[in-house]
């Protein structure tokens, strides 16, 4: 999984109007959201029973017989859950949940509402591997792998992995709760190597969404009055990002989720640096989602931030791109360049930050390291500025078509800097790098 981060601006921003995401309960370290949920709302009456699909082993039967029984019972429950979700039937979606477990049913209702609000069109669940017996007698951990789509009925691979806990009861198997996949065993059916290493927003937070021609934007319900404006801005950013699309086919839909401080620490990899305002996170092959920090959605920064992050989606496109440190300047420089192509962008806001970058006057290569997690805003902005001006030089000297082809060969295909430089620009990268560095020094 690659996180592509966007820095906060150095300039003092105008008064902040937050698009806060509802505070989350911790899920990173084996926490069970269902067990801790306290969302209000009546639970639909349901017996919560899974129709038996496999003979229950007798007491003292071998472990593999119990594993087979649990696996088949959960598979049967998954089928009913998915049918309920896609048809809007909460009673079916809550199959297996005891009617008296109010916390679990509240969590299920939150997931149900959020997935429906995100216009879920596909939710194909499967059990990965064998259920694992937990220390408490009669309880089992099951790994769920879910291929899902929002809005479109076919979105390629968009995969989520999480664990569920089930308990044996006299009447059958009962759902106990959910938690983040612990990664303790190999995922046999996962298509994306990192899809199980994080929480997706809908796993922990109630959201509402607005669908545009090119975007899906999600915010918490109490901020619904800001949703239309953010959706409109996202559509404008998508129109710019689409002009710099790299790779086969178009981005099917740009998906944007907003996080407050609590969500920022829990969604995805939840380890952003202090200077980070947004992230583009690869969630599967050709699938990238955008997360924005609520405190950065100000009147004078939202458009810039949206365009930058959507540019990552348009230019990276997959979870196998080469993101080694030596290419950070190119990945971020491209997003910075695209953000400056939006209508009314004005002058690049971080030009002055170059003056505070160590060794800028003796810069011999634009392959600067990314900012440290504890870097201050000015240092981070200076490094982004080097990337921006390097890519600006490439567009100016070699044109859009060749620069995008160079980026694709280097970043998406991962074949290094020198070969693509020779084939696209007609000279070794060492020479082009010196040209870029001289341009930055001369600013």
Foldseek 3Di string as FASTA:
>chain_A
DDKQFDFDAPDDFDDADFLAFPFWDAFQPPDFQLLPADDDDDFDDEQLEQDQDDDCDDPPDDPVSNQVRVQVSVVSLVVQLFVCLQVVNLRSVSRQAHRPSVSNRSLSVLLSQQCVLQQKQAWDKHWFDTWDDDPPPFKTKTKIKIAIDGPDNDQDGFIAIWIWMWGADPRGIHTDGIGQDPPPDDGPPDQDRCRRNADACSNIGRWHWDDDPAEIEIGHPVVVVCRVVLVVLLVLLLVLLQVLAADPDFNRHAYEYEHEPNVCCGGDNNPAAPRGAKIWAARAAQDTYIYGYRRQCGPVGSNLVSNLNSNLSRQQRGDPWDDPLQCSLQSLLSSLQSSCPRPPNPDRSLLVLLVVEPCLLVDQFLSDGADDSHDDSSNNSNNSVSSNQLLVVCCVPQNSVLSSVQSCCCTRVPPHNAVSCCVRVVHGPSVSRRVSSVRSNVD
